[in-house]
Amino acid sequence: MPIPTEFRNVTAVAKANVYFDGKVVSHTILQPDGSKKTLGLIYPGKFHFGTDKAEIMEIVAGACLVKLDGSTTTETYAAGSTFEVPAKSGFDIEVTSGMCEYICSFIP
């Protein structure tokens, strides 16, 4: 399934989610079915995120290196690729150059 380029009939939350002194910024969108996504940007750096719910991360533009909690390997994800993060877990994400754009879908 291709990564979406737009979302229709959603509610966009104007207040940004700002992490790591502005190096990771996202906006929440709420879909008609009640599901939630965030659309975000990650600037160069290495960051750790914890998860409450399971997530699917879709890379829209740029690239990143990801190491899931408990894993010994780091994977590279470029535009058009996705990765999943289990609930009650976390991951390290690193952008080495440019900017990485993503869609994060929260799985109930």
PDB file of N, CA and C in Angstrom:
ATOM      1  N   MET A   1       0.847  -1.178   0.000  1.00  0.00           N
ATOM      2  CA  MET A   1       0.000   0.000   0.000  1.00  0.00           C
ATOM      3  C   MET A   1       0.893   1.242   0.000  1.00  0.00           C
ATOM      4  N   PRO A   2       0.653   2.165  -0.921  1.00  0.00           N
ATOM      5  CA  PRO A   2       1.513   3.350  -0.979  1.00  0.00           C
ATOM      6  C   PRO A   2       1.298   4.282   0.222  1.00  0.00           C
ATOM      7  N   ILE A   3       2.332   5.026   0.522  1.00  0.00           N
ATOM      8  CA  ILE A   3       2.245   5.995   1.613  1.00  0.00           C
ATOM      9  C   ILE A   3       1.354   7.146   1.167  1.00  0.00           C
ATOM     10  N   PRO A   4       0.392   7.559   1.999  1.00  0.00           N
ATOM     11  CA  PRO A   4      -0.532   8.627   1.609  1.00  0.00           C
ATOM     12  C   PRO A   4       0.192   9.947   1.343  1.00  0.00           C
ATOM     13  N   THR A   5      -0.364  10.722   0.410  1.00  0.00           N
ATOM     14  CA  THR A   5       0.169  12.054   0.142  1.00  0.00           C
ATOM     15  C   THR A   5      -0.734  13.142   0.712  1.00  0.00           C
ATOM     16  N   GLU A   6      -1.947  12.759   1.106  1.00  0.00           N
ATOM     17  CA  GLU A   6      -2.860  13.711   1.738  1.00  0.00           C
ATOM     18  C   GLU A   6      -3.923  12.953   2.524  1.00  0.00           C
ATOM     19  N   PHE A   7      -4.568  13.680   3.432  1.00  0.00           N
ATOM     20  CA  PHE A   7      -5.655  13.122   4.233  1.00  0.00           C
ATOM     21  C   PHE A   7      -6.852  14.049   4.099  1.00  0.00           C
ATOM     22  N   ARG A   8      -8.008  13.493   3.803  1.00  0.00           N
ATOM     23  CA  ARG A   8      -9.224  14.291   3.626  1.00  0.00           C
ATOM     24  C   ARG A   8     -10.161  14.073   4.811  1.00  0.00           C
ATOM     25  N   ASN A   9     -10.975  15.090   5.074  1.00  0.00           N
ATOM     26  CA  ASN A   9     -12.019  15.012   6.098  1.00  0.00           C
ATOM     27  C   ASN A   9     -11.470  14.642   7.466  1.00  0.00           C
ATOM     28  N   VAL A  10     -10.388  15.300   7.865  1.00  0.00           N
ATOM     29  CA  VAL A  10      -9.789  15.054   9.174  1.00  0.00           C
ATOM     30  C   VAL A  10      -9.839  16.331  10.003  1.00  0.00           C
ATOM     31  N   THR A  11      -9.611  16.169  11.292  1.00  0.00           N
ATOM     32  CA  THR A  11      -9.452  17.311  12.182  1.00  0.00           C
ATOM     33  C   THR A  11      -7.965  17.455  12.461  1.00  0.00           C
ATOM     34  N   ALA A  12      -7.419  18.623  12.176  1.00  0.00           N
ATOM     35  CA  ALA A  12      -6.005  18.892  12.436  1.00  0.00           C
ATOM     36  C   ALA A  12      -5.895  19.684  13.739  1.00  0.00           C
ATOM     37  N   VAL A  13      -5.017  19.224  14.618  1.00  0.00           N
ATOM     38  CA  VAL A  13      -4.773  19.912  15.886  1.00  0.00           C
ATOM     39  C   VAL A  13      -3.693  20.965  15.626  1.00  0.00           C
ATOM     40  N   ALA A  14      -4.021  22.232  15.874  1.00  0.00           N
ATOM     41  CA  ALA A  14      -3.111  23.329  15.536  1.00  0.00           C
ATOM     42  C   ALA A  14      -1.850  23.340  16.395  1.00  0.00           C
ATOM     43  N   LYS A  15      -1.957  22.980  17.660  1.00  0.00           N
ATOM     44  CA  LYS A  15      -0.805  23.002  18.563  1.00  0.00           C
ATOM     45  C   LYS A  15       0.163  21.894  18.178  1.00  0.00           C
ATOM     46  N   ALA A  16       1.409  22.259  17.941  1.00  0.00           N
ATOM     47  CA  ALA A  16       2.433  21.295  17.551  1.00  0.00           C
ATOM     48  C   ALA A  16       2.911  20.482  18.742  1.00  0.00           C
ATOM     49  N   ASN A  17       3.357  19.258  18.459  1.00  0.00           N
ATOM     50  CA  ASN A  17       4.060  18.424  19.425  1.00  0.00           C
ATOM     51  C   ASN A  17       5.547  18.686  19.173  1.00  0.00           C
ATOM     52  N   VAL A  18       6.234  19.284  20.132  1.00  0.00           N
ATOM     53  CA  VAL A  18       7.626  19.677  19.940  1.00  0.00           C
ATOM     54  C   VAL A  18       8.500  18.888  20.908  1.00  0.00           C
ATOM     55  N   TYR A  19       9.508  18.211  20.371  1.00  0.00           N
ATOM     56  CA  TYR A  19      10.412  17.378  21.169  1.00  0.00           C
ATOM     57  C   TYR A  19      11.858  17.784  20.904  1.00  0.00           C
ATOM     58  N   PHE A  20      12.708  17.498  21.858  1.00  0.00           N
ATOM     59  CA  PHE A  20      14.156  17.669  21.700  1.00  0.00           C
ATOM     60  C   PHE A  20      14.516  19.065  21.182  1.00  0.00           C
ATOM     61  N   ASP A  21      14.028  20.087  21.894  1.00  0.00           N
ATOM     62  CA  ASP A  21      14.338  21.482  21.560  1.00  0.00           C
ATOM     63  C   ASP A  21      13.992  21.839  20.123  1.00  0.00           C
ATOM     64  N   GLY A  22      12.906  21.273  19.616  1.00  0.00           N
ATOM     65  CA  GLY A  22      12.440  21.606  18.273  1.00  0.00           C
ATOM     66  C   GLY A  22      13.064  20.797  17.159  1.00  0.00           C
ATOM     67  N   LYS A  23      13.867  19.800  17.495  1.00  0.00           N
ATOM     68  CA  LYS A  23      14.493  18.987  16.450  1.00  0.00           C
ATOM     69  C   LYS A  23      13.549  17.909  15.914  1.00  0.00           C
ATOM     70  N   VAL A  24      12.457  17.655  16.635  1.00  0.00           N
ATOM     71  CA  VAL A  24      11.389  16.770  16.166  1.00  0.00           C
ATOM     72  C   VAL A  24      10.075  17.503  16.431  1.00  0.00           C
ATOM     73  N   VAL A  25       9.300  17.705  15.367  1.00  0.00           N
ATOM     74  CA  VAL A  25       8.046  18.445  15.476  1.00  0.00           C
ATOM     75  C   VAL A  25       6.977  17.689  14.693  1.00  0.00           C
ATOM     76  N   SER A  26       5.794  17.544  15.298  1.00  0.00           N
ATOM     77  CA  SER A  26       4.700  16.888  14.585  1.00  0.00           C
ATOM     78  C   SER A  26       3.385  17.583  14.906  1.00  0.00           C
ATOM     79  N   HIS A  27       2.396  17.304  14.056  1.00  0.00           N
ATOM     80  CA  HIS A  27       1.023  17.762  14.276  1.00  0.00           C
ATOM     81  C   HIS A  27       0.118  16.540  14.249  1.00  0.00           C
ATOM     82  N   THR A  28      -0.866  16.542  15.120  1.00  0.00           N
ATOM     83  CA  THR A  28      -1.815  15.436  15.225  1.00  0.00           C
ATOM     84  C   THR A  28      -2.986  15.667  14.288  1.00  0.00           C
ATOM     85  N   ILE A  29      -3.401  14.588  13.616  1.00  0.00           N
ATOM     86  CA  ILE A  29      -4.649  14.626  12.866  1.00  0.00           C
ATOM     87  C   ILE A  29      -5.540  13.510  13.399  1.00  0.00           C
ATOM     88  N   LEU A  30      -6.814  13.828  13.517  1.00  0.00           N
ATOM     89  CA  LEU A  30      -7.815  12.879  13.999  1.00  0.00           C
ATOM     90  C   LEU A  30      -8.717  12.522  12.828  1.00  0.00           C
ATOM     91  N   GLN A  31      -8.832  11.230  12.548  1.00  0.00           N
ATOM     92  CA  GLN A  31      -9.616  10.779  11.411  1.00  0.00           C
ATOM     93  C   GLN A  31     -11.071  10.560  11.814  1.00  0.00           C
ATOM     94  N   PRO A  32     -11.991  10.569  10.851  1.00  0.00           N
ATOM     95  CA  PRO A  32     -13.413  10.402  11.161  1.00  0.00           C
ATOM     96  C   PRO A  32     -13.722   9.135  11.952  1.00  0.00           C
ATOM     97  N   ASP A  33     -12.916   8.069  11.771  1.00  0.00           N
ATOM     98  CA  ASP A  33     -13.165   6.820  12.495  1.00  0.00           C
ATOM     99  C   ASP A  33     -12.609   6.841  13.920  1.00  0.00           C
ATOM    100  N   GLY A  34     -12.027   7.990  14.333  1.00  0.00           N
ATOM    101  CA  GLY A  34     -11.497   8.126  15.688  1.00  0.00           C
ATOM    102  C   GLY A  34     -10.019   7.796  15.805  1.00  0.00           C
ATOM    103  N   SER A  35      -9.413   7.278  14.741  1.00  0.00           N
ATOM    104  CA  SER A  35      -7.985   6.959  14.808  1.00  0.00           C
ATOM    105  C   SER A  35      -7.154   8.243  14.763  1.00  0.00           C
ATOM    106  N   LYS A  36      -5.924   8.115  15.234  1.00  0.00           N
ATOM    107  CA  LYS A  36      -5.040   9.272  15.365  1.00  0.00           C
ATOM    108  C   LYS A  36      -3.733   9.002  14.634  1.00  0.00           C
ATOM    109  N   LYS A  37      -3.239  10.038  13.977  1.00  0.00           N
ATOM    110  CA  LYS A  37      -1.934   9.990  13.322  1.00  0.00           C
ATOM    111  C   LYS A  37      -1.190  11.271  13.675  1.00  0.00           C
ATOM    112  N   THR A  38       0.120  11.225  13.533  1.00  0.00           N
ATOM    113  CA  THR A  38       0.895  12.453  13.590  1.00  0.00           C
ATOM    114  C   THR A  38       1.699  12.560  12.305  1.00  0.00           C
ATOM    115  N   LEU A  39       1.857  13.787  11.834  1.00  0.00           N
ATOM    116  CA  LEU A  39       2.653  14.098  10.660  1.00  0.00           C
ATOM    117  C   LEU A  39       3.815  14.932  11.158  1.00  0.00           C
ATOM    118  N   GLY A  40       5.047  14.474  10.908  1.00  0.00           N
ATOM    119  CA  GLY A  40       6.155  15.170  11.531  1.00  0.00           C
ATOM    120  C   GLY A  40       7.416  15.278  10.717  1.00  0.00           C
ATOM    121  N   LEU A  41       8.345  16.045  11.294  1.00  0.00           N
ATOM    122  CA  LEU A  41       9.666  16.298  10.737  1.00  0.00           C
ATOM    123  C   LEU A  41      10.707  15.975  11.793  1.00  0.00           C
ATOM    124  N   ILE A  42      11.798  15.350  11.362  1.00  0.00           N
ATOM    125  CA  ILE A  42      12.923  15.089  12.258  1.00  0.00           C
ATOM    126  C   ILE A  42      14.160  15.704  11.621  1.00  0.00           C
ATOM    127  N   TYR A  43      14.785  16.613  12.348  1.00  0.00           N
ATOM    128  CA  TYR A  43      16.015  17.248  11.890  1.00  0.00           C
ATOM    129  C   TYR A  43      17.201  16.375  12.297  1.00  0.00           C
ATOM    130  N   PRO A  44      18.389  16.629  11.750  1.00  0.00           N
ATOM    131  CA  PRO A  44      19.542  15.794  12.082  1.00  0.00           C
ATOM    132  C   PRO A  44      19.785  15.669  13.587  1.00  0.00           C
ATOM    133  N   GLY A  45      20.081  14.450  14.003  1.00  0.00           N
ATOM    134  CA  GLY A  45      20.339  14.139  15.402  1.00  0.00           C
ATOM    135  C   GLY A  45      19.902  12.717  15.685  1.00  0.00           C
ATOM    136  N   LYS A  46      20.122  12.291  16.934  1.00  0.00           N
ATOM    137  CA  LYS A  46      19.721  10.959  17.373  1.00  0.00           C
ATOM    138  C   LYS A  46      18.792  11.114  18.566  1.00  0.00           C
ATOM    139  N   PHE A  47      17.643  10.444  18.516  1.00  0.00           N
ATOM    140  CA  PHE A  47      16.597  10.635  19.520  1.00  0.00           C
ATOM    141  C   PHE A  47      16.009   9.284  19.925  1.00  0.00           C
ATOM    142  N   HIS A  48      15.510   9.204  21.158  1.00  0.00           N
ATOM    143  CA  HIS A  48      14.841   7.995  21.625  1.00  0.00           C
ATOM    144  C   HIS A  48      13.385   8.335  21.951  1.00  0.00           C
ATOM    145  N   PHE A  49      12.479   7.495  21.460  1.00  0.00           N
ATOM    146  CA  PHE A  49      11.056   7.643  21.752  1.00  0.00           C
ATOM    147  C   PHE A  49      10.536   6.383  22.408  1.00  0.00           C
ATOM    148  N   GLY A  50       9.715   6.536  23.424  1.00  0.00           N
ATOM    149  CA  GLY A  50       8.999   5.427  24.031  1.00  0.00           C
ATOM    150  C   GLY A  50       7.606   5.362  23.429  1.00  0.00           C
ATOM    151  N   THR A  51       7.019   4.171  23.427  1.00  0.00           N
ATOM    152  CA  THR A  51       5.672   4.008  22.884  1.00  0.00           C
ATOM    153  C   THR A  51       4.733   3.483  23.959  1.00  0.00           C
ATOM    154  N   ASP A  52       3.529   3.981  23.948  1.00  0.00           N
ATOM    155  CA  ASP A  52       2.473   3.434  24.776  1.00  0.00           C
ATOM    156  C   ASP A  52       1.692   2.435  23.917  1.00  0.00           C
ATOM    157  N   LYS A  53       1.174   2.937  22.793  1.00  0.00           N
ATOM    158  CA  LYS A  53       0.479   2.076  21.839  1.00  0.00           C
ATOM    159  C   LYS A  53       1.452   1.662  20.737  1.00  0.00           C
ATOM    160  N   ALA A  54       1.106   0.589  20.033  1.00  0.00           N
ATOM    161  CA  ALA A  54       1.898   0.184  18.870  1.00  0.00           C
ATOM    162  C   ALA A  54       1.799   1.274  17.807  1.00  0.00           C
ATOM    163  N   GLU A  55       2.850   1.404  17.010  1.00  0.00           N
ATOM    164  CA  GLU A  55       2.903   2.440  15.988  1.00  0.00           C
ATOM    165  C   GLU A  55       3.387   1.864  14.667  1.00  0.00           C
ATOM    166  N   ILE A  56       2.905   2.460  13.595  1.00  0.00           N
ATOM    167  CA  ILE A  56       3.463   2.224  12.268  1.00  0.00           C
ATOM    168  C   ILE A  56       4.033   3.556  11.810  1.00  0.00           C
ATOM    169  N   MET A  57       5.316   3.562  11.484  1.00  0.00           N
ATOM    170  CA  MET A  57       5.992   4.768  11.013  1.00  0.00           C
ATOM    171  C   MET A  57       6.197   4.637   9.505  1.00  0.00           C
ATOM    172  N   GLU A  58       5.689   5.602   8.768  1.00  0.00           N
ATOM    173  CA  GLU A  58       5.849   5.640   7.319  1.00  0.00           C
ATOM    174  C   GLU A  58       6.764   6.810   6.981  1.00  0.00           C
ATOM    175  N   ILE A  59       7.825   6.558   6.244  1.00  0.00           N
ATOM    176  CA  ILE A  59       8.773   7.612   5.897  1.00  0.00           C
ATOM    177  C   ILE A  59       8.327   8.248   4.581  1.00  0.00           C
ATOM    178  N   VAL A  60       7.998   9.522   4.646  1.00  0.00           N
ATOM    179  CA  VAL A  60       7.479  10.263   3.500  1.00  0.00           C
ATOM    180  C   VAL A  60       8.615  10.824   2.659  1.00  0.00           C
ATOM    181  N   ALA A  61       9.647  11.363   3.311  1.00  0.00           N
ATOM    182  CA  ALA A  61      10.784  11.959   2.602  1.00  0.00           C
ATOM    183  C   ALA A  61      12.015  11.859   3.492  1.00  0.00           C
ATOM    184  N   GLY A  62      13.183  11.839   2.870  1.00  0.00           N
ATOM    185  CA  GLY A  62      14.425  11.729   3.622  1.00  0.00           C
ATOM    186  C   GLY A  62      14.693  10.293   4.011  1.00  0.00           C
ATOM    187  N   ALA A  63      15.537  10.139   5.029  1.00  0.00           N
ATOM    188  CA  ALA A  63      15.911   8.798   5.490  1.00  0.00           C
ATOM    189  C   ALA A  63      16.288   8.859   6.963  1.00  0.00           C
ATOM    190  N   CYS A  64      16.248   7.683   7.616  1.00  0.00           N
ATOM    191  CA  CYS A  64      16.599   7.610   9.025  1.00  0.00           C
ATOM    192  C   CYS A  64      17.172   6.234   9.337  1.00  0.00           C
ATOM    193  N   LEU A  65      17.891   6.162  10.435  1.00  0.00           N
ATOM    194  CA  LEU A  65      18.395   4.906  10.982  1.00  0.00           C
ATOM    195  C   LEU A  65      17.574   4.605  12.219  1.00  0.00           C
ATOM    196  N   VAL A  66      17.123   3.360  12.367  1.00  0.00           N
ATOM    197  CA  VAL A  66      16.236   3.004  13.480  1.00  0.00           C
ATOM    198  C   VAL A  66      16.735   1.738  14.158  1.00  0.00           C
ATOM    199  N   LYS A  67      16.757   1.783  15.479  1.00  0.00           N
ATOM    200  CA  LYS A  67      17.059   0.604  16.290  1.00  0.00           C
ATOM    201  C   LYS A  67      15.928   0.447  17.299  1.00  0.00           C
ATOM    202  N   LEU A  68      15.159  -0.625  17.154  1.00  0.00           N
ATOM    203  CA  LEU A  68      14.053  -0.892  18.082  1.00  0.00           C
ATOM    204  C   LEU A  68      14.611  -1.342  19.427  1.00  0.00           C
ATOM    205  N   ASP A  69      13.935  -0.971  20.508  1.00  0.00           N
ATOM    206  CA  ASP A  69      14.345  -1.434  21.835  1.00  0.00           C
ATOM    207  C   ASP A  69      14.426  -2.956  21.828  1.00  0.00           C
ATOM    208  N   GLY A  70      15.497  -3.487  22.403  1.00  0.00           N
ATOM    209  CA  GLY A  70      15.683  -4.926  22.480  1.00  0.00           C
ATOM    210  C   GLY A  70      16.355  -5.531  21.261  1.00  0.00           C
ATOM    211  N   SER A  71      16.551  -4.736  20.224  1.00  0.00           N
ATOM    212  CA  SER A  71      17.198  -5.230  19.012  1.00  0.00           C
ATOM    213  C   SER A  71      18.688  -4.923  19.051  1.00  0.00           C
ATOM    214  N   THR A  72      19.460  -5.716  18.357  1.00  0.00           N
ATOM    215  CA  THR A  72      20.903  -5.454  18.267  1.00  0.00           C
ATOM    216  C   THR A  72      21.275  -4.856  16.920  1.00  0.00           C
ATOM    217  N   THR A  73      20.288  -4.727  16.013  1.00  0.00           N
ATOM    218  CA  THR A  73      20.582  -4.213  14.678  1.00  0.00           C
ATOM    219  C   THR A  73      19.924  -2.860  14.441  1.00  0.00           C
ATOM    220  N   THR A  74      20.578  -2.080  13.611  1.00  0.00           N
ATOM    221  CA  THR A  74      20.046  -0.799  13.183  1.00  0.00           C
ATOM    222  C   THR A  74      19.681  -0.925  11.710  1.00  0.00           C
ATOM    223  N   GLU A  75      18.475  -0.484  11.369  1.00  0.00           N
ATOM    224  CA  GLU A  75      17.988  -0.568   9.991  1.00  0.00           C
ATOM    225  C   GLU A  75      17.880   0.835   9.404  1.00  0.00           C
ATOM    226  N   THR A  76      18.092   0.938   8.107  1.00  0.00           N
ATOM    227  CA  THR A  76      17.928   2.200   7.388  1.00  0.00           C
ATOM    228  C   THR A  76      16.567   2.193   6.704  1.00  0.00           C
ATOM    229  N   TYR A  77      15.837   3.302   6.854  1.00  0.00           N
ATOM    230  CA  TYR A  77      14.538   3.460   6.208  1.00  0.00           C
ATOM    231  C   TYR A  77      14.564   4.734   5.388  1.00  0.00           C
ATOM    232  N   ALA A  78      14.235   4.609   4.102  1.00  0.00           N
ATOM    233  CA  ALA A  78      14.202   5.749   3.194  1.00  0.00           C
ATOM    234  C   ALA A  78      12.755   6.050   2.824  1.00  0.00           C
ATOM    235  N   ALA A  79      12.567   7.136   2.086  1.00  0.00           N
ATOM    236  CA  ALA A  79      11.227   7.524   1.639  1.00  0.00           C
ATOM    237  C   ALA A  79      10.524   6.342   0.980  1.00  0.00           C
ATOM    238  N   GLY A  80       9.272   6.132   1.377  1.00  0.00           N
ATOM    239  CA  GLY A  80       8.483   5.041   0.834  1.00  0.00           C
ATOM    240  C   GLY A  80       8.509   3.776   1.665  1.00  0.00           C
ATOM    241  N   SER A  81       9.321   3.755   2.719  1.00  0.00           N
ATOM    242  CA  SER A  81       9.400   2.556   3.561  1.00  0.00           C
ATOM    243  C   SER A  81       8.670   2.768   4.884  1.00  0.00           C
ATOM    244  N   THR A  82       8.408   1.652   5.565  1.00  0.00           N
ATOM    245  CA  THR A  82       7.704   1.701   6.852  1.00  0.00           C
ATOM    246  C   THR A  82       8.370   0.771   7.848  1.00  0.00           C
ATOM    247  N   PHE A  83       8.126   1.057   9.136  1.00  0.00           N
ATOM    248  CA  PHE A  83       8.529   0.120  10.185  1.00  0.00           C
ATOM    249  C   PHE A  83       7.499   0.181  11.297  1.00  0.00           C
ATOM    250  N   GLU A  84       7.427  -0.900  12.056  1.00  0.00           N
ATOM    251  CA  GLU A  84       6.468  -0.994  13.159  1.00  0.00           C
ATOM    252  C   GLU A  84       7.204  -1.021  14.485  1.00  0.00           C
ATOM    253  N   VAL A  85       6.572  -0.401  15.476  1.00  0.00           N
ATOM    254  CA  VAL A  85       7.120  -0.366  16.830  1.00  0.00           C
ATOM    255  C   VAL A  85       6.067  -0.969  17.759  1.00  0.00           C
ATOM    256  N   PRO A  86       6.435  -1.976  18.549  1.00  0.00           N
ATOM    257  CA  PRO A  86       5.459  -2.595  19.450  1.00  0.00           C
ATOM    258  C   PRO A  86       4.995  -1.633  20.551  1.00  0.00           C
ATOM    259  N   ALA A  87       3.836  -1.930  21.112  1.00  0.00           N
ATOM    260  CA  ALA A  87       3.322  -1.167  22.250  1.00  0.00           C
ATOM    261  C   ALA A  87       4.247  -1.350  23.454  1.00  0.00           C
ATOM    262  N   LYS A  88       4.243  -0.371  24.332  1.00  0.00           N
ATOM    263  CA  LYS A  88       5.037  -0.415  25.573  1.00  0.00           C
ATOM    264  C   LYS A  88       6.503  -0.715  25.276  1.00  0.00           C
ATOM    265  N   SER A  89       7.034  -0.060  24.266  1.00  0.00           N
ATOM    266  CA  SER A  89       8.396  -0.298  23.805  1.00  0.00           C
ATOM    267  C   SER A  89       9.037   1.043  23.489  1.00  0.00           C
ATOM    268  N   GLY A  90       9.923   1.056  22.512  1.00  0.00           N
ATOM    269  CA  GLY A  90      10.551   2.292  22.100  1.00  0.00           C
ATOM    270  C   GLY A  90      11.546   2.051  20.989  1.00  0.00           C
ATOM    271  N   PHE A  91      12.162   3.143  20.551  1.00  0.00           N
ATOM    272  CA  PHE A  91      13.134   3.036  19.471  1.00  0.00           C
ATOM    273  C   PHE A  91      14.050   4.252  19.465  1.00  0.00           C
ATOM    274  N   ASP A  92      15.262   4.029  18.959  1.00  0.00           N
ATOM    275  CA  ASP A  92      16.193   5.112  18.670  1.00  0.00           C
ATOM    276  C   ASP A  92      16.034   5.428  17.199  1.00  0.00           C
ATOM    277  N   ILE A  93      15.994   6.724  16.876  1.00  0.00           N
ATOM    278  CA  ILE A  93      15.917   7.140  15.482  1.00  0.00           C
ATOM    279  C   ILE A  93      16.972   8.205  15.255  1.00  0.00           C
ATOM    280  N   GLU A  94      17.690   8.068  14.141  1.00  0.00           N
ATOM    281  CA  GLU A  94      18.757   9.009  13.831  1.00  0.00           C
ATOM    282  C   GLU A  94      18.625   9.487  12.390  1.00  0.00           C
ATOM    283  N   VAL A  95      18.733  10.803  12.238  1.00  0.00           N
ATOM    284  CA  VAL A  95      18.782  11.419  10.920  1.00  0.00           C
ATOM    285  C   VAL A  95      20.182  12.006  10.802  1.00  0.00           C
ATOM    286  N   THR A  96      20.908  11.583   9.782  1.00  0.00           N
ATOM    287  CA  THR A  96      22.298  12.014   9.659  1.00  0.00           C
ATOM    288  C   THR A  96      22.458  13.264   8.797  1.00  0.00           C
ATOM    289  N   SER A  97      21.532  13.485   7.870  1.00  0.00           N
ATOM    290  CA  SER A  97      21.601  14.699   7.063  1.00  0.00           C
ATOM    291  C   SER A  97      20.221  15.025   6.520  1.00  0.00           C
ATOM    292  N   GLY A  98      20.028  16.284   6.176  1.00  0.00           N
ATOM    293  CA  GLY A  98      18.734  16.706   5.653  1.00  0.00           C
ATOM    294  C   GLY A  98      17.656  16.614   6.714  1.00  0.00           C
ATOM    295  N   MET A  99      16.482  16.248   6.285  1.00  0.00           N
ATOM    296  CA  MET A  99      15.338  16.163   7.180  1.00  0.00           C
ATOM    297  C   MET A  99      14.546  14.915   6.810  1.00  0.00           C
ATOM    298  N   CYS A 100      13.978  14.268   7.807  1.00  0.00           N
ATOM    299  CA  CYS A 100      13.131  13.105   7.592  1.00  0.00           C
ATOM    300  C   CYS A 100      11.692  13.493   7.898  1.00  0.00           C
ATOM    301  N   GLU A 101      10.786  13.226   6.952  1.00  0.00           N
ATOM    302  CA  GLU A 101       9.368  13.491   7.146  1.00  0.00           C
ATOM    303  C   GLU A 101       8.647  12.162   7.334  1.00  0.00           C
ATOM    304  N   TYR A 102       7.702  12.127   8.273  1.00  0.00           N
ATOM    305  CA  TYR A 102       7.041  10.848   8.572  1.00  0.00           C
ATOM    306  C   TYR A 102       5.574  11.007   8.883  1.00  0.00           C
ATOM    307  N   ILE A 103       4.873   9.874   8.785  1.00  0.00           N
ATOM    308  CA  ILE A 103       3.497   9.723   9.258  1.00  0.00           C
ATOM    309  C   ILE A 103       3.561   8.622  10.315  1.00  0.00           C
ATOM    310  N   CYS A 104       3.059   8.909  11.493  1.00  0.00           N
ATOM    311  CA  CYS A 104       2.993   7.904  12.557  1.00  0.00           C
ATOM    312  C   CYS A 104       1.525   7.562  12.792  1.00  0.00           C
ATOM    313  N   SER A 105       1.189   6.290  12.617  1.00  0.00           N
ATOM    314  CA  SER A 105      -0.164   5.810  12.885  1.00  0.00           C
ATOM    315  C   SER A 105      -0.160   5.042  14.190  1.00  0.00           C
ATOM    316  N   PHE A 106      -1.080   5.395  15.073  1.00  0.00           N
ATOM    317  CA  PHE A 106      -1.181   4.728  16.375  1.00  0.00           C
ATOM    318  C   PHE A 106      -2.176   3.586  16.265  1.00  0.00           C
ATOM    319  N   ILE A 107      -1.732   2.385  16.639  1.00  0.00           N
ATOM    320  CA  ILE A 107      -2.552   1.186  16.503  1.00  0.00           C
ATOM    321  C   ILE A 107      -3.213   0.891  17.857  1.00  0.00           C
ATOM    322  N   PRO A 108      -4.547   0.816  17.880  1.00  0.00           N
ATOM    323  CA  PRO A 108      -5.246   0.579  19.169  1.00  0.00           C
ATOM    324  C   PRO A 108      -4.949  -0.803  19.741  1.00  0.00           C
TER     325      PRO A 108
END
